[in-house]
Protein backbone atom coordinates (compact mmCIF):
# COMPACT_ATOMS: atom_id res chain seq x y z
CA MET A 1 0.99 -37.50 5.23
CA THR A 2 3.11 -35.56 3.20
CA PRO A 3 5.05 -33.08 5.81
CA THR A 4 4.21 -29.26 5.61
CA ILE A 5 6.56 -26.30 6.14
CA LEU A 6 6.14 -22.88 7.40
CA GLY A 7 7.32 -19.51 5.19
CA SER A 8 7.11 -16.13 4.41
CA VAL A 9 6.31 -14.89 0.69
CA ILE A 10 9.08 -12.78 -0.49
CA ALA A 11 8.09 -11.93 -3.79
CA THR A 12 4.48 -12.39 -6.05
CA PHE A 13 4.30 -12.75 -10.10
CA GLY A 14 0.76 -13.75 -10.87
CA ARG A 15 -0.12 -17.33 -9.42
CA HIS A 16 3.49 -17.86 -8.92
CA MET A 17 5.23 -16.83 -5.77
CA VAL A 18 8.86 -17.39 -3.98
CA VAL A 19 8.47 -18.73 -0.40
CA ARG A 20 11.83 -18.30 1.99
CA THR A 21 11.54 -20.74 4.65
CA ALA A 22 12.69 -20.51 8.43
CA ALA A 23 16.33 -22.04 6.97
CA GLY A 24 16.77 -19.14 4.57
CA GLU A 25 15.91 -21.50 1.35
CA GLU A 26 13.95 -19.75 -1.47
CA LEU A 27 11.40 -22.31 -2.86
CA ARG A 28 9.36 -21.14 -6.31
CA ALA A 29 5.43 -21.63 -5.04
CA ARG A 30 1.73 -21.66 -6.48
CA PRO A 31 -1.41 -21.29 -4.08
CA PHE A 32 -3.27 -24.54 -3.99
CA GLY A 33 -6.91 -23.88 -5.40
CA ARG A 34 -7.99 -20.79 -7.12
CA THR A 35 -9.81 -19.54 -3.97
CA LEU A 36 -6.33 -18.93 -2.09
CA ALA A 37 -5.20 -15.13 -2.04
CA VAL A 38 -1.61 -14.79 -1.24
CA VAL A 39 -0.02 -11.62 -1.31
CA CYS A 40 3.58 -10.67 -0.38
CA GLY A 41 4.71 -10.26 3.23
CA ASP A 42 2.16 -13.17 3.97
CA GLU A 43 3.26 -15.80 6.29
CA VAL A 44 2.34 -19.25 4.91
CA ARG A 45 2.25 -23.51 5.07
CA CYS A 46 3.25 -25.20 2.46
CA ARG A 47 3.32 -28.87 1.02
CA ILE A 48 6.10 -30.34 -1.19
CA ASP A 49 4.31 -32.53 -3.74
CA PRO A 50 6.62 -35.24 -4.18
CA HIS A 51 4.46 -36.73 -7.34
CA HIS A 52 4.90 -33.35 -9.37
CA GLU A 53 7.71 -31.92 -7.75
CA GLU A 54 6.02 -28.76 -6.83
CA VAL A 55 5.67 -26.66 -3.75
CA HIS A 56 1.76 -25.45 -2.87
CA VAL A 57 0.76 -23.03 -0.36
CA ILE A 58 -1.89 -24.67 1.42
CA GLU A 59 -2.63 -21.83 4.33
CA VAL A 60 -2.28 -18.19 4.95
CA LEU A 61 -1.39 -18.03 8.65
CA ALA A 62 -3.18 -15.45 10.29
CA ARG A 63 -2.39 -11.78 9.30
CA ARG A 64 -1.79 -8.55 11.54
CA ASN A 65 -2.54 -6.71 9.28
CA ALA A 66 -2.94 -5.90 5.24
CA LEU A 67 -3.36 -3.24 2.82
CA TRP A 68 -7.06 -4.24 1.00
CA ARG A 69 -8.34 -3.06 -2.51
CA ALA A 70 -11.77 -3.12 -3.86
CA ASN A 71 -12.13 -4.97 -7.03
CA SER A 72 -14.70 -4.00 -9.48
CA ARG A 73 -17.43 -6.27 -8.27
CA GLY A 74 -17.01 -4.30 -4.86
CA GLY A 75 -15.13 -7.03 -3.09
CA ALA A 76 -11.92 -6.96 -0.97
CA GLU A 77 -8.38 -8.42 -2.43
CA PRO A 78 -5.11 -7.88 -0.48
CA VAL A 79 -2.07 -5.99 -1.75
CA VAL A 80 0.28 -6.34 0.53
CA ALA A 81 0.06 -8.07 4.37
CA ASN A 82 2.08 -7.89 7.62
CA LEU A 83 3.29 -4.68 7.82
CA THR A 84 4.26 -1.86 10.32
CA ARG A 85 4.52 1.49 7.98
CA LEU A 86 2.88 1.99 4.95
CA LEU A 87 5.36 4.36 2.34
CA ILE A 88 3.67 6.07 -0.03
CA VAL A 89 5.56 7.73 -2.87
CA LEU A 90 4.70 10.55 -5.19
CA ALA A 91 6.96 12.81 -6.84
CA PRO A 92 6.99 16.34 -9.10
CA LEU A 93 6.91 14.24 -12.34
CA PRO A 94 4.67 12.42 -13.48
CA LEU A 95 1.86 15.07 -11.89
CA PRO A 96 0.90 13.48 -8.61
CA ASP A 97 -2.91 12.22 -8.31
CA LEU A 98 -3.26 13.55 -5.04
CA PHE A 99 -6.61 11.72 -4.59
CA VAL A 100 -5.11 8.15 -4.88
CA THR A 101 -2.56 9.43 -2.35
CA ASP A 102 -5.73 10.06 -0.32
CA ARG A 103 -7.26 6.58 -0.98
CA TYR A 104 -3.58 4.63 0.05
CA LEU A 105 -3.80 7.28 3.45
CA ALA A 106 -7.44 5.96 4.00
CA ALA A 107 -6.47 1.77 3.52
CA ALA A 108 -3.62 2.80 5.60
CA THR A 109 -5.77 3.79 8.21
CA ALA A 110 -8.65 1.14 7.72
CA ALA A 111 -5.49 -1.19 8.21
CA ASP A 112 -4.23 0.71 11.44
CA VAL A 113 -0.86 1.25 9.87
CA PRO A 114 1.11 4.34 10.07
CA ALA A 115 1.69 5.64 6.83
CA THR A 116 4.38 8.41 5.48
CA LEU A 117 4.83 10.29 2.32
CA ILE A 118 7.53 9.99 0.49
CA VAL A 119 8.77 12.87 -2.20
CA ASN A 120 10.97 11.57 -4.32
CA LYS A 121 12.97 13.48 -7.45
CA SER A 122 12.89 16.42 -5.16
CA GLU A 123 15.88 17.73 -7.19
CA LEU A 124 13.12 18.75 -9.50
CA GLY A 125 11.80 21.47 -7.08
CA ILE A 126 8.58 21.47 -5.02
CA GLU A 127 6.22 23.83 -6.41
CA ALA A 128 4.21 25.93 -4.25
CA GLY A 129 0.52 23.93 -5.12
CA LEU A 130 2.11 20.60 -3.81
CA THR A 131 3.79 22.23 -0.61
CA ALA A 132 0.52 23.11 0.47
CA GLU A 133 -1.09 19.96 -0.28
CA LEU A 134 1.77 18.55 1.71
CA ASP A 135 1.26 21.26 4.50
CA ALA A 136 -2.55 19.93 4.41
CA TYR A 137 -1.35 15.99 5.20
CA ALA A 138 1.46 17.01 8.03
CA ALA A 139 -1.70 18.81 9.59
CA ALA A 140 -3.51 15.57 9.29
CA GLY A 141 -1.09 13.43 11.11
CA PHE A 142 0.77 12.14 7.93
CA PRO A 143 4.25 13.62 7.72
CA ALA A 144 6.93 13.87 4.20
CA ILE A 145 10.19 12.96 3.99
CA PHE A 146 12.19 14.70 1.13
CA CYS A 147 14.45 12.96 -1.48
CA SER A 148 15.76 12.23 -4.32
CA ALA A 149 16.90 8.48 -5.32
CA ALA A 150 18.92 10.25 -8.79
CA SER A 151 21.38 12.42 -6.08
CA GLY A 152 21.11 10.31 -2.79
CA ALA A 153 19.69 13.63 -0.86
CA GLY A 154 17.57 12.86 1.78
CA MET A 155 18.06 9.14 1.67
CA GLN A 156 19.32 9.06 5.76
CA LYS A 157 15.76 10.14 6.40
CA LEU A 158 13.80 7.47 4.47
CA LEU A 159 16.06 5.01 6.46
CA ALA A 160 16.01 6.16 9.53
CA ALA A 161 11.88 5.78 9.00
CA LEU A 162 13.12 2.22 8.45
CA GLY A 163 14.30 1.48 11.67
CA PRO A 164 15.38 -2.38 13.12
CA GLY A 165 12.05 -4.65 12.73
CA THR A 166 10.42 -2.21 10.45
CA ARG A 167 8.29 -3.90 7.63
CA GLY A 168 7.59 -0.49 4.91
CA ALA A 169 6.35 -1.40 1.46
CA LEU A 170 6.85 1.57 -1.40
CA VAL A 171 3.46 1.77 -3.14
CA GLY A 172 2.23 4.96 -5.33
CA GLN A 173 1.61 6.02 -9.14
CA SER A 174 3.61 4.54 -11.85
CA GLY A 175 6.75 6.33 -12.48
CA VAL A 176 7.43 7.73 -9.28
CA GLY A 177 10.70 5.94 -8.89
CA LYS A 178 10.04 3.30 -6.16
CA SER A 179 12.41 0.61 -7.88
CA SER A 180 14.76 3.17 -8.24
CA LEU A 181 14.69 4.35 -4.14
CA VAL A 182 15.31 0.55 -3.34
CA ARG A 183 18.56 0.20 -5.84
CA ARG A 184 19.67 3.68 -3.90
CA LEU A 185 18.83 1.74 -0.83
CA LEU A 186 20.54 -1.36 -1.84
CA PRO A 187 22.74 -0.93 -4.69
CA GLN A 188 23.08 -5.01 -5.22
CA ALA A 189 19.33 -5.04 -5.50
CA GLU A 190 19.83 -4.37 -9.13
CA VAL A 191 19.54 -7.79 -10.64
CA ALA A 192 16.76 -8.73 -8.19
CA ILE A 193 14.78 -5.85 -9.52
CA GLY A 194 15.50 -6.63 -13.09
CA GLU A 195 15.76 -10.38 -13.33
CA LEU A 196 12.92 -11.89 -15.28
CA VAL A 197 11.08 -14.90 -13.43
CA ARG A 198 10.32 -17.85 -15.43
CA ALA A 199 7.16 -19.10 -14.84
CA LYS A 200 5.83 -22.57 -15.20
CA ALA A 201 4.36 -22.71 -18.06
CA GLY A 202 7.64 -21.26 -19.79
CA ARG A 203 6.68 -17.62 -20.14
CA HIS A 204 8.70 -14.83 -18.55
CA THR A 205 7.26 -12.36 -16.28
CA THR A 206 8.88 -9.78 -14.28
CA THR A 207 8.46 -9.61 -10.79
CA ALA A 208 4.92 -7.93 -9.30
CA ALA A 209 6.02 -7.46 -5.65
CA ARG A 210 9.03 -8.16 -4.03
CA LEU A 211 10.78 -7.90 -0.19
CA PHE A 212 14.24 -6.85 0.27
CA ASP A 213 16.09 -7.13 3.14
CA LEU A 214 17.73 -3.86 4.74
CA PRO A 215 21.05 -4.36 6.56
CA GLN A 216 19.31 -2.47 9.91
CA GLY A 217 17.07 -5.41 10.10
CA ALA A 218 14.45 -3.76 8.51
CA ALA A 219 12.47 -5.45 5.21
CA LEU A 220 10.77 -2.98 1.98
CA ILE A 221 8.43 -4.28 -0.61
CA ASP A 222 8.47 -3.16 -3.59
CA SER A 223 5.02 -3.14 -5.33
CA PRO A 224 3.74 -2.28 -8.79
CA GLY A 225 2.66 0.77 -10.02
CA VAL A 226 -0.37 2.10 -10.36
CA ARG A 227 -2.65 4.59 -12.09
CA ASP A 228 -5.93 4.22 -9.75
CA PHE A 229 -6.51 2.39 -6.26
CA ALA A 230 -9.81 1.78 -4.33
CA PRO A 231 -9.85 1.07 -0.53
CA ALA A 232 -11.50 -2.00 0.13
CA VAL A 233 -15.53 -1.27 0.89
CA SER A 234 -15.64 -3.36 4.02
CA ALA A 235 -12.56 -2.16 5.51
CA LEU A 236 -13.11 1.40 5.50
CA ASP A 237 -14.69 3.05 8.76
CA GLU A 238 -18.18 3.80 7.80
CA ARG A 239 -17.93 7.35 9.39
CA THR A 240 -14.68 8.99 8.71
CA LEU A 241 -13.60 6.54 5.43
CA GLY A 242 -10.09 6.81 7.14
CA PHE A 243 -9.71 10.76 6.96
CA PRO A 244 -8.57 11.82 10.37
CA GLU A 245 -9.64 15.19 9.68
CA VAL A 246 -13.42 14.06 9.27
CA ALA A 247 -12.82 12.22 12.59
CA ARG A 248 -11.46 15.50 14.46
CA LEU A 249 -14.36 17.65 13.31
CA ALA A 250 -17.53 14.90 12.99
CA PRO A 251 -18.47 15.30 16.37
CA GLY A 252 -19.72 19.09 15.95
CA CYS A 253 -22.08 17.89 13.32
CA ARG A 254 -25.68 18.29 13.97
CA PHE A 255 -26.84 14.61 13.40
CA SER A 256 -24.46 11.67 14.71
CA ASP A 257 -25.34 9.62 10.86
CA CYS A 258 -24.13 12.71 9.25
CA ARG A 259 -22.21 11.67 6.11
CA HIS A 260 -21.12 15.51 5.26
CA LEU A 261 -22.37 15.68 1.85
CA ARG A 262 -25.20 17.85 1.54
CA GLU A 263 -26.84 17.64 5.87
CA PRO A 264 -27.57 20.82 7.10
CA GLY A 265 -25.03 21.35 10.44
CA CYS A 266 -22.69 19.47 9.00
CA ALA A 267 -19.45 20.62 10.76
CA VAL A 268 -17.06 18.62 8.21
CA ARG A 269 -18.47 20.88 5.37
CA ALA A 270 -18.57 24.32 7.26
CA ALA A 271 -14.89 23.78 8.08
CA ALA A 272 -14.10 23.02 4.44
CA GLU A 273 -16.03 25.89 3.02
CA ASP A 274 -14.57 28.54 5.57
CA GLY A 275 -10.89 27.26 4.95
CA THR A 276 -10.51 25.77 8.35
CA TRP A 277 -10.52 21.92 6.46
CA HIS A 278 -8.50 21.73 3.13
CA ALA A 279 -11.20 22.11 -0.02
CA ARG A 280 -9.67 19.38 -2.05
CA ARG A 281 -8.95 16.81 0.98
CA TYR A 282 -12.61 17.56 1.77
CA GLU A 283 -13.66 16.98 -2.00
CA SER A 284 -11.38 13.91 -2.05
CA TYR A 285 -13.63 12.47 1.08
CA ARG A 286 -16.72 13.13 -0.96
CA ARG A 287 -15.27 11.55 -4.30
CA LEU A 288 -14.45 8.03 -1.79
CA ARG A 289 -17.59 8.74 -0.35
CA ARG A 290 -19.64 8.10 -3.63
CA LEU A 291 -17.24 5.42 -4.88
CA ARG A 292 -17.70 3.49 -1.76
CA GLU A 293 -21.53 3.73 -2.33
CA GLN A 294 -20.97 2.83 -5.94
CA LEU A 295 -19.05 -0.17 -4.81
CA SER A 296 -21.25 -1.15 -1.89
CA ALA A 297 -23.82 -1.61 -4.58
CA ASN A 298 -21.93 -4.02 -7.05
CA ARG A 299 -21.52 -6.00 -4.52
CA GLY A 300 -24.88 -7.09 -4.33
CA ARG A 301 -24.99 -7.81 -7.51
């Protein structure tokens, strides 16, 4: 029998990855077979193929949690695994898509992972409209940390949110400065972020997701920027879709199976109409409800 080794996935790029063993050795690897989904943060079992001098990931060990997204067919795909905190980065520029932010928050809630908003590029100034949105997030239980990768302002607060034993992941739109935050936290990571990884086929590809060790005993995963994000249908709570405000207001609805769209006696819709609940967050809930129904229909095809 070929011996196996255990390790942690610290980088992924396409179907290739880097696995760190308990001894600290970093090995290039790839999944064995096309059905095994492996993401940054996974704990895995590997086998070394002596004939081809390849390392194969043959098993993903039980995950404590994972951030799941929906694919176009309505299925679930893992994004990152084994987190203790999700850090959703936004900035004054590019203009934040708060509907994407809401969907990340819903996915974090579904995974039972605490989420914090990181407002980067704060040196550009925060307009009143964004301030109102951030106040609504804070009321829902999602606080914000204001910082600047460019000036270093607020970085100590970000570090404080990444205490010993924390494994956080930076997610968000393209251009918000996730990798710049990593560079500010770990200046020596400059080469690691910008390096090109040679795939087995000889092509060069940039690292798609990478885990960095922080000095205080925490770890931080830098993930690719996105234009859109949809949480996995199967992971969402059917009643609330991961919105804490809905969970709080729904007991006041006339019907226990209220979808909070057009049903009479809906306490959720009433709160959005009278200003008790932030109207844009309610619209975000409505959009995610429709998207969930669409993706659920795709799963049956």
